[in-house]
Amino acid sequence: PFWEERRAWLDQYMPTLGDSGVSHSKFLEELRTSARERGLVLGPPVLLKPEAKPHFHDLAVTLQITGPDQAVYRWLADLQSPEKFQMIKYLLLTAQPGPAPRMTGTVTVSRLFKP
């Protein structure tokens, strides 16, 4: 019963992949929009090769980010939630010297889809 309840939730809420190119582009645009809303500057993105696993499909994007440290932390926290089916697969942050605390870094974000 424990896992059946979770499986039912996944079946109901996990997004369907459809066309991987369209889904990848839409995912990238959502990431860009949310980062800009936080005042972050993004470098050129890298769309990683989609991965097909037995229980899900995985689309990932690698981004270079720069911005105020608190904005970076809040953006990263907002990215990960069960409802979005997103996770941070890789993160490297470096503090930048200066009067205001700033961060620069590389982040790979992944979104999961139904198989």
N, C-alpha and C. Protein backbone atom coordinates (compact mmCIF):
# COMPACT_ATOMS: atom_id res chain seq x y z
N PRO A 1 0.81 -1.22 0.00
CA PRO A 1 0.00 0.00 0.00
C PRO A 1 0.85 1.28 0.00
N PHE A 2 1.97 1.24 0.73
CA PHE A 2 2.85 2.42 0.81
C PHE A 2 3.32 2.84 -0.58
N TRP A 3 3.84 1.90 -1.35
CA TRP A 3 4.38 2.23 -2.67
C TRP A 3 3.29 2.40 -3.71
N GLU A 4 2.17 1.70 -3.53
CA GLU A 4 1.06 1.86 -4.47
C GLU A 4 0.52 3.28 -4.44
N GLU A 5 0.47 3.88 -3.26
CA GLU A 5 0.00 5.26 -3.12
C GLU A 5 0.96 6.22 -3.85
N ARG A 6 2.24 6.00 -3.72
CA ARG A 6 3.22 6.85 -4.39
C ARG A 6 3.19 6.65 -5.90
N ARG A 7 3.00 5.42 -6.31
CA ARG A 7 2.91 5.11 -7.75
C ARG A 7 1.69 5.81 -8.37
N ALA A 8 0.59 5.80 -7.65
CA ALA A 8 -0.62 6.47 -8.14
C ALA A 8 -0.39 7.98 -8.26
N TRP A 9 0.32 8.56 -7.29
CA TRP A 9 0.64 10.00 -7.34
C TRP A 9 1.52 10.30 -8.56
N LEU A 10 2.53 9.47 -8.80
CA LEU A 10 3.40 9.65 -9.96
C LEU A 10 2.61 9.54 -11.26
N ASP A 11 1.75 8.55 -11.36
CA ASP A 11 0.95 8.37 -12.56
C ASP A 11 0.06 9.58 -12.83
N GLN A 12 -0.42 10.20 -11.76
CA GLN A 12 -1.31 11.34 -11.91
C GLN A 12 -0.58 12.64 -12.23
N TYR A 13 0.58 12.86 -11.62
CA TYR A 13 1.22 14.17 -11.70
C TYR A 13 2.50 14.25 -12.53
N MET A 14 3.19 13.15 -12.76
CA MET A 14 4.44 13.20 -13.51
C MET A 14 4.15 13.61 -14.95
N PRO A 15 4.90 14.60 -15.47
CA PRO A 15 4.63 15.05 -16.84
C PRO A 15 4.99 14.00 -17.89
N THR A 16 4.31 14.09 -19.02
CA THR A 16 4.57 13.21 -20.15
C THR A 16 5.57 13.89 -21.08
N LEU A 17 6.50 13.12 -21.61
CA LEU A 17 7.57 13.69 -22.41
C LEU A 17 7.10 14.25 -23.74
N GLY A 18 6.38 13.49 -24.52
CA GLY A 18 6.02 13.96 -25.85
C GLY A 18 7.26 14.09 -26.72
N ASP A 19 7.38 15.18 -27.46
CA ASP A 19 8.56 15.45 -28.29
C ASP A 19 9.69 15.94 -27.39
N SER A 20 10.80 15.22 -27.36
CA SER A 20 11.89 15.57 -26.44
C SER A 20 12.50 16.93 -26.75
N GLY A 21 12.59 17.31 -28.02
CA GLY A 21 13.14 18.61 -28.37
C GLY A 21 12.29 19.75 -27.86
N VAL A 22 10.98 19.63 -28.01
CA VAL A 22 10.06 20.66 -27.53
C VAL A 22 10.09 20.72 -26.00
N SER A 23 10.08 19.56 -25.35
CA SER A 23 10.11 19.51 -23.89
C SER A 23 11.41 20.09 -23.34
N HIS A 24 12.52 19.80 -24.00
CA HIS A 24 13.83 20.32 -23.57
C HIS A 24 13.85 21.84 -23.69
N SER A 25 13.35 22.36 -24.81
CA SER A 25 13.31 23.81 -25.03
C SER A 25 12.42 24.50 -24.01
N LYS A 26 11.26 23.91 -23.75
CA LYS A 26 10.34 24.50 -22.77
C LYS A 26 10.96 24.50 -21.38
N PHE A 27 11.62 23.41 -21.01
CA PHE A 27 12.30 23.31 -19.73
C PHE A 27 13.38 24.38 -19.61
N LEU A 28 14.19 24.54 -20.65
CA LEU A 28 15.24 25.57 -20.65
C LEU A 28 14.64 26.95 -20.48
N GLU A 29 13.56 27.25 -21.18
CA GLU A 29 12.95 28.57 -21.09
C GLU A 29 12.40 28.82 -19.68
N GLU A 30 11.84 27.80 -19.05
CA GLU A 30 11.36 27.95 -17.67
C GLU A 30 12.52 28.25 -16.72
N LEU A 31 13.64 27.58 -16.92
CA LEU A 31 14.82 27.83 -16.08
C LEU A 31 15.33 29.26 -16.29
N ARG A 32 15.42 29.67 -17.54
CA ARG A 32 15.89 31.04 -17.84
C ARG A 32 14.97 32.09 -17.22
N THR A 33 13.68 31.90 -17.38
CA THR A 33 12.71 32.87 -16.85
C THR A 33 12.81 32.97 -15.34
N SER A 34 12.86 31.83 -14.65
CA SER A 34 12.94 31.86 -13.20
C SER A 34 14.25 32.48 -12.71
N ALA A 35 15.33 32.25 -13.43
CA ALA A 35 16.63 32.84 -13.05
C ALA A 35 16.60 34.36 -13.25
N ARG A 36 16.07 34.80 -14.36
CA ARG A 36 16.00 36.25 -14.62
C ARG A 36 15.11 36.95 -13.60
N GLU A 37 14.02 36.30 -13.20
CA GLU A 37 13.14 36.89 -12.18
C GLU A 37 13.86 37.09 -10.87
N ARG A 38 14.88 36.31 -10.61
CA ARG A 38 15.69 36.44 -9.39
C ARG A 38 16.86 37.39 -9.58
N GLY A 39 17.03 37.92 -10.78
CA GLY A 39 18.13 38.84 -11.04
C GLY A 39 19.45 38.16 -11.36
N LEU A 40 19.40 36.91 -11.80
CA LEU A 40 20.61 36.18 -12.14
C LEU A 40 20.96 36.37 -13.61
N VAL A 41 22.24 36.31 -13.89
CA VAL A 41 22.75 36.39 -15.26
C VAL A 41 23.15 34.98 -15.67
N LEU A 42 22.71 34.57 -16.85
CA LEU A 42 23.00 33.21 -17.33
C LEU A 42 23.95 33.24 -18.51
N GLY A 43 24.85 32.27 -18.54
CA GLY A 43 25.71 32.07 -19.70
C GLY A 43 25.02 31.15 -20.69
N PRO A 44 25.69 30.80 -21.76
CA PRO A 44 25.08 29.91 -22.75
C PRO A 44 24.74 28.55 -22.14
N PRO A 45 23.54 28.04 -22.42
CA PRO A 45 23.15 26.74 -21.86
C PRO A 45 23.71 25.58 -22.67
N VAL A 46 23.78 24.44 -22.04
CA VAL A 46 24.15 23.20 -22.71
C VAL A 46 23.01 22.21 -22.45
N LEU A 47 22.33 21.80 -23.52
CA LEU A 47 21.28 20.79 -23.40
C LEU A 47 21.94 19.42 -23.46
N LEU A 48 21.80 18.66 -22.39
CA LEU A 48 22.42 17.34 -22.34
C LEU A 48 21.55 16.30 -23.03
N LYS A 49 22.16 15.24 -23.46
CA LYS A 49 21.46 14.17 -24.16
C LYS A 49 20.38 13.57 -23.25
N PRO A 50 19.15 13.44 -23.75
CA PRO A 50 18.09 12.82 -22.94
C PRO A 50 18.46 11.38 -22.57
N GLU A 51 18.09 10.99 -21.36
CA GLU A 51 18.36 9.64 -20.89
C GLU A 51 17.05 8.91 -20.65
N ALA A 52 16.95 7.69 -21.14
CA ALA A 52 15.77 6.86 -20.92
C ALA A 52 16.11 5.79 -19.89
N LYS A 53 15.42 5.84 -18.77
CA LYS A 53 15.58 4.85 -17.70
C LYS A 53 14.31 3.99 -17.65
N PRO A 54 14.34 2.88 -16.94
CA PRO A 54 13.14 2.03 -16.90
C PRO A 54 11.89 2.73 -16.33
N HIS A 55 12.08 3.63 -15.35
CA HIS A 55 10.93 4.23 -14.68
C HIS A 55 10.71 5.70 -15.00
N PHE A 56 11.61 6.30 -15.80
CA PHE A 56 11.46 7.72 -16.14
C PHE A 56 12.38 8.08 -17.30
N HIS A 57 12.10 9.22 -17.93
CA HIS A 57 13.00 9.84 -18.90
C HIS A 57 13.56 11.09 -18.23
N ASP A 58 14.81 11.41 -18.53
CA ASP A 58 15.52 12.49 -17.86
C ASP A 58 16.03 13.48 -18.90
N LEU A 59 15.59 14.74 -18.79
CA LEU A 59 16.12 15.81 -19.62
C LEU A 59 16.92 16.73 -18.72
N ALA A 60 18.14 17.06 -19.10
CA ALA A 60 19.00 17.89 -18.25
C ALA A 60 19.57 19.06 -19.03
N VAL A 61 19.80 20.15 -18.30
CA VAL A 61 20.37 21.38 -18.86
C VAL A 61 21.48 21.84 -17.92
N THR A 62 22.61 22.23 -18.48
CA THR A 62 23.69 22.82 -17.69
C THR A 62 23.73 24.31 -17.97
N LEU A 63 23.78 25.11 -16.89
CA LEU A 63 23.78 26.57 -17.00
C LEU A 63 24.93 27.16 -16.20
N GLN A 64 25.46 28.26 -16.71
CA GLN A 64 26.41 29.08 -15.96
C GLN A 64 25.59 30.20 -15.34
N ILE A 65 25.72 30.42 -14.04
CA ILE A 65 24.93 31.45 -13.36
C ILE A 65 25.83 32.41 -12.62
N THR A 66 25.38 33.66 -12.52
CA THR A 66 26.06 34.69 -11.75
C THR A 66 25.01 35.59 -11.14
N GLY A 67 25.19 35.95 -9.87
CA GLY A 67 24.25 36.86 -9.24
C GLY A 67 24.50 36.99 -7.76
N PRO A 68 23.66 37.80 -7.10
CA PRO A 68 23.77 37.96 -5.65
C PRO A 68 23.60 36.61 -4.95
N ASP A 69 24.40 36.39 -3.91
CA ASP A 69 24.40 35.07 -3.29
C ASP A 69 23.02 34.63 -2.81
N GLN A 70 22.26 35.50 -2.16
CA GLN A 70 20.94 35.11 -1.67
C GLN A 70 19.99 34.77 -2.81
N ALA A 71 20.09 35.49 -3.92
CA ALA A 71 19.26 35.20 -5.09
C ALA A 71 19.61 33.83 -5.67
N VAL A 72 20.89 33.52 -5.72
CA VAL A 72 21.33 32.21 -6.22
C VAL A 72 20.79 31.10 -5.32
N TYR A 73 20.93 31.27 -4.00
CA TYR A 73 20.47 30.24 -3.07
C TYR A 73 18.96 30.02 -3.18
N ARG A 74 18.21 31.12 -3.27
CA ARG A 74 16.75 31.00 -3.36
C ARG A 74 16.33 30.34 -4.67
N TRP A 75 17.01 30.70 -5.76
CA TRP A 75 16.69 30.09 -7.05
C TRP A 75 16.94 28.59 -7.01
N LEU A 76 18.08 28.19 -6.45
CA LEU A 76 18.40 26.77 -6.35
C LEU A 76 17.38 26.03 -5.49
N ALA A 77 16.96 26.64 -4.40
CA ALA A 77 15.96 26.01 -3.53
C ALA A 77 14.62 25.87 -4.26
N ASP A 78 14.25 26.87 -5.05
CA ASP A 78 12.99 26.83 -5.80
C ASP A 78 12.99 25.77 -6.89
N LEU A 79 14.17 25.46 -7.42
CA LEU A 79 14.25 24.49 -8.51
C LEU A 79 13.80 23.10 -8.09
N GLN A 80 14.09 22.74 -6.86
CA GLN A 80 13.85 21.36 -6.42
C GLN A 80 12.54 21.27 -5.65
N SER A 81 11.61 20.57 -6.23
CA SER A 81 10.36 20.29 -5.54
C SER A 81 9.72 19.07 -6.19
N PRO A 82 9.00 18.27 -5.40
CA PRO A 82 8.37 17.09 -5.99
C PRO A 82 7.40 17.44 -7.11
N GLU A 83 6.69 18.55 -6.98
CA GLU A 83 5.68 18.91 -7.96
C GLU A 83 6.28 19.26 -9.32
N LYS A 84 7.51 19.73 -9.34
CA LYS A 84 8.16 20.11 -10.60
C LYS A 84 8.90 18.94 -11.23
N PHE A 85 9.13 17.88 -10.48
CA PHE A 85 9.89 16.72 -10.95
C PHE A 85 11.27 17.17 -11.44
N GLN A 86 11.88 18.07 -10.70
CA GLN A 86 13.20 18.60 -11.04
C GLN A 86 14.17 18.30 -9.91
N MET A 87 15.45 18.18 -10.29
CA MET A 87 16.49 17.99 -9.29
C MET A 87 17.79 18.60 -9.81
N ILE A 88 18.64 18.97 -8.89
CA ILE A 88 19.96 19.48 -9.24
C ILE A 88 20.90 18.28 -9.26
N LYS A 89 21.49 18.03 -10.44
CA LYS A 89 22.38 16.88 -10.59
C LYS A 89 23.84 17.25 -10.34
N TYR A 90 24.17 18.51 -10.58
CA TYR A 90 25.56 18.96 -10.40
C TYR A 90 25.51 20.43 -9.99
N LEU A 91 26.38 20.82 -9.06
CA LEU A 91 26.43 22.19 -8.61
C LEU A 91 27.85 22.53 -8.19
N LEU A 92 28.35 23.62 -8.73
CA LEU A 92 29.65 24.17 -8.34
C LEU A 92 29.48 25.67 -8.22
N LEU A 93 29.62 26.21 -7.00
CA LEU A 93 29.48 27.64 -6.76
C LEU A 93 30.79 28.21 -6.23
N THR A 94 31.08 29.42 -6.65
CA THR A 94 32.28 30.12 -6.20
C THR A 94 31.90 31.54 -5.79
N ALA A 95 32.33 31.95 -4.61
CA ALA A 95 32.07 33.31 -4.15
C ALA A 95 32.97 34.28 -4.92
N GLN A 96 32.40 35.41 -5.31
CA GLN A 96 33.14 36.44 -6.04
C GLN A 96 33.48 37.57 -5.08
N PRO A 97 34.72 38.05 -5.10
CA PRO A 97 35.10 39.15 -4.20
C PRO A 97 34.41 40.45 -4.63
N GLY A 98 34.15 41.30 -3.67
CA GLY A 98 33.54 42.59 -3.96
C GLY A 98 32.73 43.07 -2.77
N PRO A 99 32.19 44.27 -2.89
CA PRO A 99 31.44 44.85 -1.76
C PRO A 99 30.13 44.10 -1.47
N ALA A 100 29.45 43.61 -2.50
CA ALA A 100 28.21 42.85 -2.30
C ALA A 100 28.49 41.37 -2.52
N PRO A 101 27.96 40.51 -1.66
CA PRO A 101 28.20 39.07 -1.83
C PRO A 101 27.60 38.57 -3.15
N ARG A 102 28.45 37.99 -3.99
CA ARG A 102 28.00 37.47 -5.28
C ARG A 102 28.54 36.06 -5.46
N MET A 103 27.83 35.30 -6.29
CA MET A 103 28.22 33.93 -6.58
C MET A 103 28.28 33.75 -8.09
N THR A 104 29.15 32.88 -8.50
CA THR A 104 29.16 32.42 -9.88
C THR A 104 29.26 30.91 -9.83
N GLY A 105 28.69 30.26 -10.82
CA GLY A 105 28.75 28.81 -10.75
C GLY A 105 28.17 28.11 -11.95
N THR A 106 28.24 26.80 -11.86
CA THR A 106 27.70 25.91 -12.88
C THR A 106 26.69 25.00 -12.21
N VAL A 107 25.53 24.85 -12.84
CA VAL A 107 24.49 23.99 -12.29
C VAL A 107 23.88 23.16 -13.42
N THR A 108 23.69 21.88 -13.14
CA THR A 108 22.97 21.01 -14.06
C THR A 108 21.66 20.64 -13.39
N VAL A 109 20.56 20.99 -14.07
CA VAL A 109 19.23 20.74 -13.56
C VAL A 109 18.56 19.72 -14.46
N SER A 110 17.85 18.79 -13.86
CA SER A 110 17.21 17.71 -14.58
C SER A 110 15.71 17.71 -14.30
N ARG A 111 14.92 17.38 -15.31
CA ARG A 111 13.49 17.19 -15.13
C ARG A 111 13.14 15.76 -15.55
N LEU A 112 12.30 15.13 -14.75
CA LEU A 112 11.90 13.74 -15.00
C LEU A 112 10.53 13.70 -15.65
N PHE A 113 10.36 12.74 -16.58
CA PHE A 113 9.11 12.55 -17.32
C PHE A 113 8.72 11.07 -17.27
N LYS A 114 7.43 10.82 -17.53
CA LYS A 114 6.95 9.44 -17.60
C LYS A 114 7.68 8.69 -18.72
N PRO A 115 7.94 7.40 -18.49
CA PRO A 115 8.60 6.63 -19.57
C PRO A 115 7.67 6.37 -20.75
